[in-house]
Amino acid sequence: MAEDCLFCKIIAGEIPSTKVYEDDRVLAFEDVSPMMPVHTLIVPKTHYDNIADNIPDEELGYLMNTVGKVADLKGIRESGFRVIVNTNDDACQSVHHVHVHVLGGAPMNDGSPALNQ
């Protein structure tokens, strides 16, 4: 756990969240500033700054495989959804704990939403 990391504090239960899914390796919770009707974040319980932070293949694969579970739980698998991973400041990663955005619940245009999470 990184001492000043917002997501590490959410994982530890120090900050409340609206949980969508949790197991021993990942936590999925609702984004506090959703960009779509469905906007869920998935984070590994082990702290990594970003997706380029030498995450072990098994850990990264597990994180990405959780996307389908979240899509099922949120009812967006069939209608479609977008998956985004912002990396570092220029890509608007404001919380430096790797996380996956799962967005859906409404039709999207061709451009990606400007995510600031």
PDB file of N, CA and C in Angstrom:
ATOM      1  N   MET A   1       0.842  -1.184   0.000  1.00  0.00           N
ATOM      2  CA  MET A   1       0.000   0.000   0.000  1.00  0.00           C
ATOM      3  C   MET A   1       0.880   1.239   0.000  1.00  0.00           C
ATOM      4  N   ALA A   2       0.585   2.138  -0.906  1.00  0.00           N
ATOM      5  CA  ALA A   2       1.294   3.411  -0.947  1.00  0.00           C
ATOM      6  C   ALA A   2       0.616   4.359   0.045  1.00  0.00           C
ATOM      7  N   GLU A   3       1.393   4.978   0.860  1.00  0.00           N
ATOM      8  CA  GLU A   3       0.883   5.774   1.986  1.00  0.00           C
ATOM      9  C   GLU A   3      -0.113   6.862   1.601  1.00  0.00           C
ATOM     10  N   ASP A   4       0.158   7.597   0.538  1.00  0.00           N
ATOM     11  CA  ASP A   4      -0.707   8.719   0.163  1.00  0.00           C
ATOM     12  C   ASP A   4      -1.624   8.415  -1.016  1.00  0.00           C
ATOM     13  N   CYS A   5      -1.790   7.150  -1.358  1.00  0.00           N
ATOM     14  CA  CYS A   5      -2.571   6.774  -2.530  1.00  0.00           C
ATOM     15  C   CYS A   5      -4.065   6.673  -2.193  1.00  0.00           C
ATOM     16  N   LEU A   6      -4.873   7.445  -2.901  1.00  0.00           N
ATOM     17  CA  LEU A   6      -6.318   7.441  -2.701  1.00  0.00           C
ATOM     18  C   LEU A   6      -6.901   6.039  -2.888  1.00  0.00           C
ATOM     19  N   PHE A   7      -6.496   5.339  -3.950  1.00  0.00           N
ATOM     20  CA  PHE A   7      -7.066   4.026  -4.219  1.00  0.00           C
ATOM     21  C   PHE A   7      -6.603   2.994  -3.196  1.00  0.00           C
ATOM     22  N   CYS A   8      -5.376   3.107  -2.693  1.00  0.00           N
ATOM     23  CA  CYS A   8      -4.930   2.202  -1.620  1.00  0.00           C
ATOM     24  C   CYS A   8      -5.787   2.407  -0.370  1.00  0.00           C
ATOM     25  N   LYS A   9      -6.157   3.645  -0.107  1.00  0.00           N
ATOM     26  CA  LYS A   9      -7.022   3.940   1.044  1.00  0.00           C
ATOM     27  C   LYS A   9      -8.430   3.395   0.831  1.00  0.00           C
ATOM     28  N   ILE A  10      -8.935   3.438  -0.401  1.00  0.00           N
ATOM     29  CA  ILE A  10     -10.242   2.839  -0.700  1.00  0.00           C
ATOM     30  C   ILE A  10     -10.165   1.325  -0.526  1.00  0.00           C
ATOM     31  N   ILE A  11      -9.115   0.706  -1.029  1.00  0.00           N
ATOM     32  CA  ILE A  11      -8.926  -0.743  -0.882  1.00  0.00           C
ATOM     33  C   ILE A  11      -8.874  -1.132   0.585  1.00  0.00           C
ATOM     34  N   ALA A  12      -8.203  -0.332   1.402  1.00  0.00           N
ATOM     35  CA  ALA A  12      -8.066  -0.615   2.835  1.00  0.00           C
ATOM     36  C   ALA A  12      -9.340  -0.323   3.618  1.00  0.00           C
ATOM     37  N   GLY A  13     -10.334   0.288   2.975  1.00  0.00           N
ATOM     38  CA  GLY A  13     -11.576   0.623   3.660  1.00  0.00           C
ATOM     39  C   GLY A  13     -11.522   1.916   4.439  1.00  0.00           C
ATOM     40  N   GLU A  14     -10.452   2.678   4.277  1.00  0.00           N
ATOM     41  CA  GLU A  14     -10.306   3.948   4.976  1.00  0.00           C
ATOM     42  C   GLU A  14     -11.167   5.047   4.349  1.00  0.00           C
ATOM     43  N   ILE A  15     -11.476   4.893   3.073  1.00  0.00           N
ATOM     44  CA  ILE A  15     -12.332   5.823   2.343  1.00  0.00           C
ATOM     45  C   ILE A  15     -13.460   4.991   1.740  1.00  0.00           C
ATOM     46  N   PRO A  16     -14.706   5.413   1.932  1.00  0.00           N
ATOM     47  CA  PRO A  16     -15.821   4.610   1.407  1.00  0.00           C
ATOM     48  C   PRO A  16     -15.897   4.656  -0.121  1.00  0.00           C
ATOM     49  N   SER A  17     -16.457   3.585  -0.674  1.00  0.00           N
ATOM     50  CA  SER A  17     -16.701   3.517  -2.110  1.00  0.00           C
ATOM     51  C   SER A  17     -17.949   2.676  -2.334  1.00  0.00           C
ATOM     52  N   THR A  18     -18.505   2.789  -3.522  1.00  0.00           N
ATOM     53  CA  THR A  18     -19.631   1.946  -3.902  1.00  0.00           C
ATOM     54  C   THR A  18     -19.059   0.769  -4.673  1.00  0.00           C
ATOM     55  N   LYS A  19     -18.914  -0.361  -3.984  1.00  0.00           N
ATOM     56  CA  LYS A  19     -18.284  -1.537  -4.572  1.00  0.00           C
ATOM     57  C   LYS A  19     -19.198  -2.205  -5.584  1.00  0.00           C
ATOM     58  N   VAL A  20     -18.587  -2.631  -6.674  1.00  0.00           N
ATOM     59  CA  VAL A  20     -19.269  -3.385  -7.713  1.00  0.00           C
ATOM     60  C   VAL A  20     -18.825  -4.841  -7.667  1.00  0.00           C
ATOM     61  N   TYR A  21     -17.530  -5.066  -7.404  1.00  0.00           N
ATOM     62  CA  TYR A  21     -16.958  -6.413  -7.367  1.00  0.00           C
ATOM     63  C   TYR A  21     -15.695  -6.355  -6.519  1.00  0.00           C
ATOM     64  N   GLU A  22     -15.451  -7.439  -5.790  1.00  0.00           N
ATOM     65  CA  GLU A  22     -14.213  -7.527  -5.015  1.00  0.00           C
ATOM     66  C   GLU A  22     -13.841  -8.978  -4.833  1.00  0.00           C
ATOM     67  N   ASP A  23     -12.547  -9.255  -4.939  1.00  0.00           N
ATOM     68  CA  ASP A  23     -12.011 -10.557  -4.565  1.00  0.00           C
ATOM     69  C   ASP A  23     -10.667 -10.305  -3.897  1.00  0.00           C
ATOM     70  N   ASP A  24      -9.859 -11.311  -3.757  1.00  0.00           N
ATOM     71  CA  ASP A  24      -8.605 -11.137  -3.024  1.00  0.00           C
ATOM     72  C   ASP A  24      -7.547 -10.366  -3.818  1.00  0.00           C
ATOM     73  N   ARG A  25      -7.772 -10.109  -5.121  1.00  0.00           N
ATOM     74  CA  ARG A  25      -6.757  -9.451  -5.941  1.00  0.00           C
ATOM     75  C   ARG A  25      -7.167  -8.105  -6.521  1.00  0.00           C
ATOM     76  N   VAL A  26      -8.462  -7.876  -6.695  1.00  0.00           N
ATOM     77  CA  VAL A  26      -8.926  -6.637  -7.317  1.00  0.00           C
ATOM     78  C   VAL A  26     -10.143  -6.082  -6.589  1.00  0.00           C
ATOM     79  N   LEU A  27     -10.381  -4.794  -6.800  1.00  0.00           N
ATOM     80  CA  LEU A  27     -11.583  -4.127  -6.316  1.00  0.00           C
ATOM     81  C   LEU A  27     -12.131  -3.299  -7.469  1.00  0.00           C
ATOM     82  N   ALA A  28     -13.432  -3.419  -7.702  1.00  0.00           N
ATOM     83  CA  ALA A  28     -14.107  -2.581  -8.703  1.00  0.00           C
ATOM     84  C   ALA A  28     -15.129  -1.739  -7.967  1.00  0.00           C
ATOM     85  N   PHE A  29     -15.152  -0.450  -8.278  1.00  0.00           N
ATOM     86  CA  PHE A  29     -16.066   0.466  -7.603  1.00  0.00           C
ATOM     87  C   PHE A  29     -16.489   1.572  -8.561  1.00  0.00           C
ATOM     88  N   GLU A  30     -17.587   2.237  -8.219  1.00  0.00           N
ATOM     89  CA  GLU A  30     -18.129   3.290  -9.067  1.00  0.00           C
ATOM     90  C   GLU A  30     -17.253   4.535  -9.015  1.00  0.00           C
ATOM     91  N   ASP A  31     -17.045   5.149 -10.175  1.00  0.00           N
ATOM     92  CA  ASP A  31     -16.324   6.406 -10.248  1.00  0.00           C
ATOM     93  C   ASP A  31     -17.177   7.497  -9.602  1.00  0.00           C
ATOM     94  N   VAL A  32     -16.570   8.367  -8.814  1.00  0.00           N
ATOM     95  CA  VAL A  32     -17.334   9.428  -8.131  1.00  0.00           C
ATOM     96  C   VAL A  32     -17.751  10.550  -9.078  1.00  0.00           C
ATOM     97  N   SER A  33     -17.125  10.630 -10.259  1.00  0.00           N
ATOM     98  CA  SER A  33     -17.493  11.630 -11.272  1.00  0.00           C
ATOM     99  C   SER A  33     -17.712  10.909 -12.600  1.00  0.00           C
ATOM    100  N   PRO A  34     -18.819  10.173 -12.706  1.00  0.00           N
ATOM    101  CA  PRO A  34     -19.001   9.334 -13.899  1.00  0.00           C
ATOM    102  C   PRO A  34     -19.148  10.149 -15.186  1.00  0.00           C
ATOM    103  N   MET A  35     -18.560   9.605 -16.251  1.00  0.00           N
ATOM    104  CA  MET A  35     -18.633  10.200 -17.582  1.00  0.00           C
ATOM    105  C   MET A  35     -19.712   9.546 -18.446  1.00  0.00           C
ATOM    106  N   MET A  36     -20.252   8.425 -17.968  1.00  0.00           N
ATOM    107  CA  MET A  36     -21.277   7.658 -18.671  1.00  0.00           C
ATOM    108  C   MET A  36     -22.217   7.083 -17.616  1.00  0.00           C
ATOM    109  N   PRO A  37     -23.390   6.571 -18.021  1.00  0.00           N
ATOM    110  CA  PRO A  37     -24.276   5.940 -17.036  1.00  0.00           C
ATOM    111  C   PRO A  37     -23.582   4.825 -16.245  1.00  0.00           C
ATOM    112  N   VAL A  38     -22.712   4.075 -16.916  1.00  0.00           N
ATOM    113  CA  VAL A  38     -21.859   3.104 -16.228  1.00  0.00           C
ATOM    114  C   VAL A  38     -20.432   3.621 -16.321  1.00  0.00           C
ATOM    115  N   HIS A  39     -19.814   3.816 -15.165  1.00  0.00           N
ATOM    116  CA  HIS A  39     -18.412   4.234 -15.105  1.00  0.00           C
ATOM    117  C   HIS A  39     -17.815   3.606 -13.852  1.00  0.00           C
ATOM    118  N   THR A  40     -17.248   2.442 -14.055  1.00  0.00           N
ATOM    119  CA  THR A  40     -16.693   1.661 -12.956  1.00  0.00           C
ATOM    120  C   THR A  40     -15.178   1.599 -13.102  1.00  0.00           C
ATOM    121  N   LEU A  41     -14.478   1.719 -11.990  1.00  0.00           N
ATOM    122  CA  LEU A  41     -13.020   1.597 -11.967  1.00  0.00           C
ATOM    123  C   LEU A  41     -12.647   0.241 -11.401  1.00  0.00           C
ATOM    124  N   ILE A  42     -11.633  -0.386 -11.982  1.00  0.00           N
ATOM    125  CA  ILE A  42     -11.100  -1.648 -11.466  1.00  0.00           C
ATOM    126  C   ILE A  42      -9.647  -1.403 -11.105  1.00  0.00           C
ATOM    127  N   VAL A  43      -9.282  -1.735  -9.867  1.00  0.00           N
ATOM    128  CA  VAL A  43      -7.910  -1.534  -9.396  1.00  0.00           C
ATOM    129  C   VAL A  43      -7.362  -2.823  -8.804  1.00  0.00           C
ATOM    130  N   PRO A  44      -6.080  -3.090  -9.024  1.00  0.00           N
ATOM    131  CA  PRO A  44      -5.471  -4.219  -8.322  1.00  0.00           C
ATOM    132  C   PRO A  44      -5.243  -3.833  -6.867  1.00  0.00           C
ATOM    133  N   LYS A  45      -5.301  -4.799  -5.984  1.00  0.00           N
ATOM    134  CA  LYS A  45      -5.071  -4.498  -4.567  1.00  0.00           C
ATOM    135  C   LYS A  45      -3.597  -4.266  -4.269  1.00  0.00           C
ATOM    136  N   THR A  46      -2.726  -4.694  -5.154  1.00  0.00           N
ATOM    137  CA  THR A  46      -1.302  -4.369  -5.053  1.00  0.00           C
ATOM    138  C   THR A  46      -1.081  -3.047  -5.767  1.00  0.00           C
ATOM    139  N   HIS A  47      -0.334  -2.149  -5.151  1.00  0.00           N
ATOM    140  CA  HIS A  47      -0.102  -0.834  -5.745  1.00  0.00           C
ATOM    141  C   HIS A  47       0.929  -0.907  -6.868  1.00  0.00           C
ATOM    142  N   TYR A  48       0.526  -0.396  -8.028  1.00  0.00           N
ATOM    143  CA  TYR A  48       1.418  -0.119  -9.152  1.00  0.00           C
ATOM    144  C   TYR A  48       1.064   1.282  -9.599  1.00  0.00           C
ATOM    145  N   ASP A  49       2.058   2.103  -9.906  1.00  0.00           N
ATOM    146  CA  ASP A  49       1.788   3.491 -10.279  1.00  0.00           C
ATOM    147  C   ASP A  49       0.964   3.608 -11.559  1.00  0.00           C
ATOM    148  N   ASN A  50       1.294   2.797 -12.566  1.00  0.00           N
ATOM    149  CA  ASN A  50       0.584   2.860 -13.843  1.00  0.00           C
ATOM    150  C   ASN A  50       0.789   1.554 -14.589  1.00  0.00           C
ATOM    151  N   ILE A  51       0.181   1.446 -15.754  1.00  0.00           N
ATOM    152  CA  ILE A  51       0.221   0.194 -16.506  1.00  0.00           C
ATOM    153  C   ILE A  51       1.625  -0.156 -17.004  1.00  0.00           C
ATOM    154  N   ALA A  52       2.534   0.819 -17.029  1.00  0.00           N
ATOM    155  CA  ALA A  52       3.909   0.583 -17.467  1.00  0.00           C
ATOM    156  C   ALA A  52       4.858   0.329 -16.295  1.00  0.00           C
ATOM    157  N   ASP A  53       4.310   0.029 -15.134  1.00  0.00           N
ATOM    158  CA  ASP A  53       5.087  -0.114 -13.896  1.00  0.00           C
ATOM    159  C   ASP A  53       5.531  -1.563 -13.648  1.00  0.00           C
ATOM    160  N   ASN A  54       5.920  -2.269 -14.706  1.00  0.00           N
ATOM    161  CA  ASN A  54       6.418  -3.647 -14.581  1.00  0.00           C
ATOM    162  C   ASN A  54       5.464  -4.548 -13.802  1.00  0.00           C
ATOM    163  N   ILE A  55       4.203  -4.477 -14.126  1.00  0.00           N
ATOM    164  CA  ILE A  55       3.195  -5.327 -13.501  1.00  0.00           C
ATOM    165  C   ILE A  55       3.395  -6.745 -14.015  1.00  0.00           C
ATOM    166  N   PRO A  56       3.467  -7.731 -13.119  1.00  0.00           N
ATOM    167  CA  PRO A  56       3.624  -9.114 -13.595  1.00  0.00           C
ATOM    168  C   PRO A  56       2.484  -9.496 -14.546  1.00  0.00           C
ATOM    169  N   ASP A  57       2.815 -10.277 -15.568  1.00  0.00           N
ATOM    170  CA  ASP A  57       1.839 -10.667 -16.582  1.00  0.00           C
ATOM    171  C   ASP A  57       0.580 -11.264 -15.964  1.00  0.00           C
ATOM    172  N   GLU A  58       0.749 -12.134 -14.991  1.00  0.00           N
ATOM    173  CA  GLU A  58      -0.399 -12.783 -14.359  1.00  0.00           C
ATOM    174  C   GLU A  58      -1.300 -11.758 -13.670  1.00  0.00           C
ATOM    175  N   GLU A  59      -0.695 -10.778 -13.037  1.00  0.00           N
ATOM    176  CA  GLU A  59      -1.458  -9.734 -12.342  1.00  0.00           C
ATOM    177  C   GLU A  59      -2.206  -8.837 -13.333  1.00  0.00           C
ATOM    178  N   LEU A  60      -1.519  -8.441 -14.402  1.00  0.00           N
ATOM    179  CA  LEU A  60      -2.145  -7.587 -15.411  1.00  0.00           C
ATOM    180  C   LEU A  60      -3.256  -8.339 -16.142  1.00  0.00           C
ATOM    181  N   GLY A  61      -3.017  -9.597 -16.457  1.00  0.00           N
ATOM    182  CA  GLY A  61      -4.049 -10.409 -17.096  1.00  0.00           C
ATOM    183  C   GLY A  61      -5.274 -10.565 -16.209  1.00  0.00           C
ATOM    184  N   TYR A  62      -5.052 -10.778 -14.932  1.00  0.00           N
ATOM    185  CA  TYR A  62      -6.167 -10.922 -13.993  1.00  0.00           C
ATOM    186  C   TYR A  62      -6.977  -9.636 -13.921  1.00  0.00           C
ATOM    187  N   LEU A  63      -6.278  -8.510 -13.865  1.00  0.00           N
ATOM    188  CA  LEU A  63      -6.946  -7.209 -13.834  1.00  0.00           C
ATOM    189  C   LEU A  63      -7.829  -7.042 -15.070  1.00  0.00           C
ATOM    190  N   MET A  64      -7.276  -7.338 -16.245  1.00  0.00           N
ATOM    191  CA  MET A  64      -8.034  -7.165 -17.482  1.00  0.00           C
ATOM    192  C   MET A  64      -9.165  -8.183 -17.598  1.00  0.00           C
ATOM    193  N   ASN A  65      -8.978  -9.381 -17.102  1.00  0.00           N
ATOM    194  CA  ASN A  65     -10.050 -10.376 -17.146  1.00  0.00           C
ATOM    195  C   ASN A  65     -11.219  -9.995 -16.242  1.00  0.00           C
ATOM    196  N   THR A  66     -10.993  -9.145 -15.277  1.00  0.00           N
ATOM    197  CA  THR A  66     -12.068  -8.677 -14.410  1.00  0.00           C
ATOM    198  C   THR A  66     -13.033  -7.768 -15.163  1.00  0.00           C
ATOM    199  N   VAL A  67     -12.591  -7.193 -16.270  1.00  0.00           N
ATOM    200  CA  VAL A  67     -13.447  -6.312 -17.060  1.00  0.00           C
ATOM    201  C   VAL A  67     -14.739  -7.025 -17.463  1.00  0.00           C
ATOM    202  N   GLY A  68     -14.647  -8.256 -17.934  1.00  0.00           N
ATOM    203  CA  GLY A  68     -15.830  -9.010 -18.336  1.00  0.00           C
ATOM    204  C   GLY A  68     -16.787  -9.250 -17.184  1.00  0.00           C
ATOM    205  N   LYS A  69     -16.248  -9.515 -16.002  1.00  0.00           N
ATOM    206  CA  LYS A  69     -17.095  -9.706 -14.822  1.00  0.00           C
ATOM    207  C   LYS A  69     -17.866  -8.424 -14.507  1.00  0.00           C
ATOM    208  N   VAL A  70     -17.167  -7.311 -14.556  1.00  0.00           N
ATOM    209  CA  VAL A  70     -17.815  -6.021 -14.282  1.00  0.00           C
ATOM    210  C   VAL A  70     -18.866  -5.718 -15.350  1.00  0.00           C
ATOM    211  N   ALA A  71     -18.543  -5.970 -16.615  1.00  0.00           N
ATOM    212  CA  ALA A  71     -19.509  -5.740 -17.691  1.00  0.00           C
ATOM    213  C   ALA A  71     -20.774  -6.569 -17.466  1.00  0.00           C
ATOM    214  N   ASP A  72     -20.611  -7.812 -17.019  1.00  0.00           N
ATOM    215  CA  ASP A  72     -21.773  -8.653 -16.707  1.00  0.00           C
ATOM    216  C   ASP A  72     -22.566  -8.078 -15.544  1.00  0.00           C
ATOM    217  N   LEU A  73     -21.880  -7.722 -14.477  1.00  0.00           N
ATOM    218  CA  LEU A  73     -22.555  -7.194 -13.282  1.00  0.00           C
ATOM    219  C   LEU A  73     -23.298  -5.893 -13.573  1.00  0.00           C
ATOM    220  N   LYS A  74     -22.761  -5.077 -14.459  1.00  0.00           N
ATOM    221  CA  LYS A  74     -23.375  -3.786 -14.793  1.00  0.00           C
ATOM    222  C   LYS A  74     -24.357  -3.891 -15.959  1.00  0.00           C
ATOM    223  N   GLY A  75     -24.480  -5.084 -16.561  1.00  0.00           N
ATOM    224  CA  GLY A  75     -25.446  -5.298 -17.629  1.00  0.00           C
ATOM    225  C   GLY A  75     -25.096  -4.648 -18.950  1.00  0.00           C
ATOM    226  N   ILE A  76     -23.796  -4.501 -19.249  1.00  0.00           N
ATOM    227  CA  ILE A  76     -23.394  -3.823 -20.481  1.00  0.00           C
ATOM    228  C   ILE A  76     -22.614  -4.714 -21.444  1.00  0.00           C
ATOM    229  N   ARG A  77     -22.461  -5.979 -21.130  1.00  0.00           N
ATOM    230  CA  ARG A  77     -21.670  -6.863 -21.997  1.00  0.00           C
ATOM    231  C   ARG A  77     -22.250  -6.905 -23.413  1.00  0.00           C
ATOM    232  N   GLU A  78     -23.532  -7.098 -23.531  1.00  0.00           N
ATOM    233  CA  GLU A  78     -24.159  -7.248 -24.848  1.00  0.00           C
ATOM    234  C   GLU A  78     -24.274  -5.926 -25.601  1.00  0.00           C
ATOM    235  N   SER A  79     -24.576  -4.838 -24.913  1.00  0.00           N
ATOM    236  CA  SER A  79     -24.761  -3.549 -25.592  1.00  0.00           C
ATOM    237  C   SER A  79     -23.436  -2.913 -25.984  1.00  0.00           C
ATOM    238  N   GLY A  80     -22.388  -3.230 -25.251  1.00  0.00           N
ATOM    239  CA  GLY A  80     -21.063  -2.706 -25.562  1.00  0.00           C
ATOM    240  C   GLY A  80     -20.548  -1.754 -24.496  1.00  0.00           C
ATOM    241  N   PHE A  81     -19.237  -1.645 -24.447  1.00  0.00           N
ATOM    242  CA  PHE A  81     -18.589  -0.799 -23.445  1.00  0.00           C
ATOM    243  C   PHE A  81     -17.204  -0.425 -23.932  1.00  0.00           C
ATOM    244  N   ARG A  82     -16.627   0.559 -23.280  1.00  0.00           N
ATOM    245  CA  ARG A  82     -15.274   1.015 -23.588  1.00  0.00           C
ATOM    246  C   ARG A  82     -14.396   0.782 -22.369  1.00  0.00           C
ATOM    247  N   VAL A  83     -13.136   0.414 -22.613  1.00  0.00           N
ATOM    248  CA  VAL A  83     -12.150   0.192 -21.556  1.00  0.00           C
ATOM    249  C   VAL A  83     -10.998   1.163 -21.792  1.00  0.00           C
ATOM    250  N   ILE A  84     -10.666   1.927 -20.767  1.00  0.00           N
ATOM    251  CA  ILE A  84      -9.604   2.929 -20.885  1.00  0.00           C
ATOM    252  C   ILE A  84      -8.654   2.796 -19.698  1.00  0.00           C
ATOM    253  N   VAL A  85      -7.354   2.902 -20.004  1.00  0.00           N
ATOM    254  CA  VAL A  85      -6.326   2.965 -18.964  1.00  0.00           C
ATOM    255  C   VAL A  85      -5.471   4.189 -19.259  1.00  0.00           C
ATOM    256  N   ASN A  86      -5.588   5.211 -18.432  1.00  0.00           N
ATOM    257  CA  ASN A  86      -4.771   6.419 -18.574  1.00  0.00           C
ATOM    258  C   ASN A  86      -3.416   6.166 -17.922  1.00  0.00           C
ATOM    259  N   THR A  87      -2.355   6.708 -18.537  1.00  0.00           N
ATOM    260  CA  THR A  87      -1.014   6.475 -18.017  1.00  0.00           C
ATOM    261  C   THR A  87      -0.253   7.791 -17.901  1.00  0.00           C
ATOM    262  N   ASN A  88      -0.036   8.208 -16.675  1.00  0.00           N
ATOM    263  CA  ASN A  88       0.722   9.404 -16.310  1.00  0.00           C
ATOM    264  C   ASN A  88      -0.035  10.701 -16.600  1.00  0.00           C
ATOM    265  N   ASP A  89       0.578  11.792 -16.222  1.00  0.00           N
ATOM    266  CA  ASP A  89      -0.088  13.096 -16.190  1.00  0.00           C
ATOM    267  C   ASP A  89      -0.590  13.575 -17.555  1.00  0.00           C
ATOM    268  N   ASP A  90       0.205  13.427 -18.607  1.00  0.00           N
ATOM    269  CA  ASP A  90      -0.218  13.915 -19.922  1.00  0.00           C
ATOM    270  C   ASP A  90      -1.451  13.175 -20.441  1.00  0.00           C
ATOM    271  N   ALA A  91      -1.715  11.995 -19.906  1.00  0.00           N
ATOM    272  CA  ALA A  91      -2.892  11.212 -20.307  1.00  0.00           C
ATOM    273  C   ALA A  91      -4.017  11.336 -19.278  1.00  0.00           C
ATOM    274  N   CYS A  92      -3.914  12.322 -18.401  1.00  0.00           N
ATOM    275  CA  CYS A  92      -4.946  12.622 -17.398  1.00  0.00           C
ATOM    276  C   CYS A  92      -5.082  11.551 -16.319  1.00  0.00           C
ATOM    277  N   GLN A  93      -4.001  10.865 -15.981  1.00  0.00           N
ATOM    278  CA  GLN A  93      -4.049   9.939 -14.847  1.00  0.00           C
ATOM    279  C   GLN A  93      -3.812  10.767 -13.591  1.00  0.00           C
ATOM    280  N   SER A  94      -4.874  11.051 -12.862  1.00  0.00           N
ATOM    281  CA  SER A  94      -4.735  11.892 -11.675  1.00  0.00           C
ATOM    282  C   SER A  94      -4.518  11.079 -10.405  1.00  0.00           C
ATOM    283  N   VAL A  95      -4.883   9.802 -10.414  1.00  0.00           N
ATOM    284  CA  VAL A  95      -4.582   8.906  -9.293  1.00  0.00           C
ATOM    285  C   VAL A  95      -3.540   7.918  -9.789  1.00  0.00           C
ATOM    286  N   HIS A  96      -2.359   7.985  -9.208  1.00  0.00           N
ATOM    287  CA  HIS A  96      -1.247   7.169  -9.683  1.00  0.00           C
ATOM    288  C   HIS A  96      -1.226   5.805  -9.000  1.00  0.00           C
ATOM    289  N   HIS A  97      -2.284   5.064  -9.270  1.00  0.00           N
ATOM    290  CA  HIS A  97      -2.455   3.645  -8.925  1.00  0.00           C
ATOM    291  C   HIS A  97      -3.149   3.094 -10.157  1.00  0.00           C
ATOM    292  N   VAL A  98      -2.526   2.148 -10.842  1.00  0.00           N
ATOM    293  CA  VAL A  98      -3.096   1.679 -12.104  1.00  0.00           C
ATOM    294  C   VAL A  98      -4.570   1.323 -11.911  1.00  0.00           C
ATOM    295  N   HIS A  99      -5.386   1.729 -12.865  1.00  0.00           N
ATOM    296  CA  HIS A  99      -6.816   1.433 -12.812  1.00  0.00           C
ATOM    297  C   HIS A  99      -7.404   1.410 -14.207  1.00  0.00           C
ATOM    298  N   VAL A 100      -8.439   0.607 -14.343  1.00  0.00           N
ATOM    299  CA  VAL A 100      -9.127   0.430 -15.613  1.00  0.00           C
ATOM    300  C   VAL A 100     -10.498   1.082 -15.501  1.00  0.00           C
ATOM    301  N   HIS A 101     -10.831   1.940 -16.462  1.00  0.00           N
ATOM    302  CA  HIS A 101     -12.163   2.533 -16.542  1.00  0.00           C
ATOM    303  C   HIS A 101     -13.019   1.632 -17.427  1.00  0.00           C
ATOM    304  N   VAL A 102     -14.190   1.247 -16.947  1.00  0.00           N
ATOM    305  CA  VAL A 102     -15.165   0.524 -17.761  1.00  0.00           C
ATOM    306  C   VAL A 102     -16.356   1.463 -17.927  1.00  0.00           C
ATOM    307  N   LEU A 103     -16.602   1.875 -19.170  1.00  0.00           N
ATOM    308  CA  LEU A 103     -17.644   2.856 -19.462  1.00  0.00           C
ATOM    309  C   LEU A 103     -18.685   2.266 -20.403  1.00  0.00           C
ATOM    310  N   GLY A 104     -19.953   2.573 -20.140  1.00  0.00           N
ATOM    311  CA  GLY A 104     -21.013   2.104 -21.024  1.00  0.00           C
ATOM    312  C   GLY A 104     -22.359   2.586 -20.545  1.00  0.00           C
ATOM    313  N   GLY A 105     -23.385   1.910 -21.034  1.00  0.00           N
ATOM    314  CA  GLY A 105     -24.738   2.238 -20.621  1.00  0.00           C
ATOM    315  C   GLY A 105     -25.445   3.224 -21.520  1.00  0.00           C
ATOM    316  N   ALA A 106     -24.772   3.696 -22.568  1.00  0.00           N
ATOM    317  CA  ALA A 106     -25.365   4.623 -23.541  1.00  0.00           C
ATOM    318  C   ALA A 106     -24.493   4.603 -24.791  1.00  0.00           C
ATOM    319  N   PRO A 107     -25.065   4.960 -25.935  1.00  0.00           N
ATOM    320  CA  PRO A 107     -24.251   5.031 -27.151  1.00  0.00           C
ATOM    321  C   PRO A 107     -23.127   6.055 -26.993  1.00  0.00           C
ATOM    322  N   MET A 108     -21.990   5.756 -27.602  1.00  0.00           N
ATOM    323  CA  MET A 108     -20.833   6.655 -27.564  1.00  0.00           C
ATOM    324  C   MET A 108     -20.537   7.155 -28.969  1.00  0.00           C
ATOM    325  N   ASN A 109     -19.883   8.310 -29.041  1.00  0.00           N
ATOM    326  CA  ASN A 109     -19.430   8.795 -30.337  1.00  0.00           C
ATOM    327  C   ASN A 109     -18.076   8.185 -30.645  1.00  0.00           C
ATOM    328  N   ASP A 110     -17.485   8.567 -31.761  1.00  0.00           N
ATOM    329  CA  ASP A 110     -16.194   8.002 -32.177  1.00  0.00           C
ATOM    330  C   ASP A 110     -15.048   8.461 -31.304  1.00  0.00           C
ATOM    331  N   GLY A 111     -15.166   9.618 -30.644  1.00  0.00           N
ATOM    332  CA  GLY A 111     -14.084  10.147 -29.818  1.00  0.00           C
ATOM    333  C   GLY A 111     -14.168   9.618 -28.393  1.00  0.00           C
ATOM    334  N   SER A 112     -13.037   9.483 -27.777  1.00  0.00           N
ATOM    335  CA  SER A 112     -12.993   9.039 -26.387  1.00  0.00           C
ATOM    336  C   SER A 112     -13.369  10.185 -25.475  1.00  0.00           C
ATOM    337  N   PRO A 113     -14.085   9.896 -24.390  1.00  0.00           N
ATOM    338  CA  PRO A 113     -14.365  10.956 -23.422  1.00  0.00           C
ATOM    339  C   PRO A 113     -13.063  11.406 -22.761  1.00  0.00           C
ATOM    340  N   ALA A 114     -13.008  12.643 -22.374  1.00  0.00           N
ATOM    341  CA  ALA A 114     -11.829  13.170 -21.684  1.00  0.00           C
ATOM    342  C   ALA A 114     -11.923  12.749 -20.223  1.00  0.00           C
ATOM    343  N   LEU A 115     -11.172  11.737 -19.864  1.00  0.00           N
ATOM    344  CA  LEU A 115     -11.220  11.222 -18.495  1.00  0.00           C
ATOM    345  C   LEU A 115     -10.158  11.879 -17.647  1.00  0.00           C
ATOM    346  N   ASN A 116     -10.521  12.289 -16.482  1.00  0.00           N
ATOM    347  CA  ASN A 116      -9.586  12.937 -15.564  1.00  0.00           C
ATOM    348  C   ASN A 116      -9.508  12.172 -14.264  1.00  0.00           C
ATOM    349  N   GLN A 117      -9.315  10.876 -14.349  1.00  0.00           N
ATOM    350  CA  GLN A 117      -9.258  10.043 -13.138  1.00  0.00           C
ATOM    351  C   GLN A 117      -7.912   9.402 -12.991  1.00  0.00           C
TER     352      GLN A 117
END
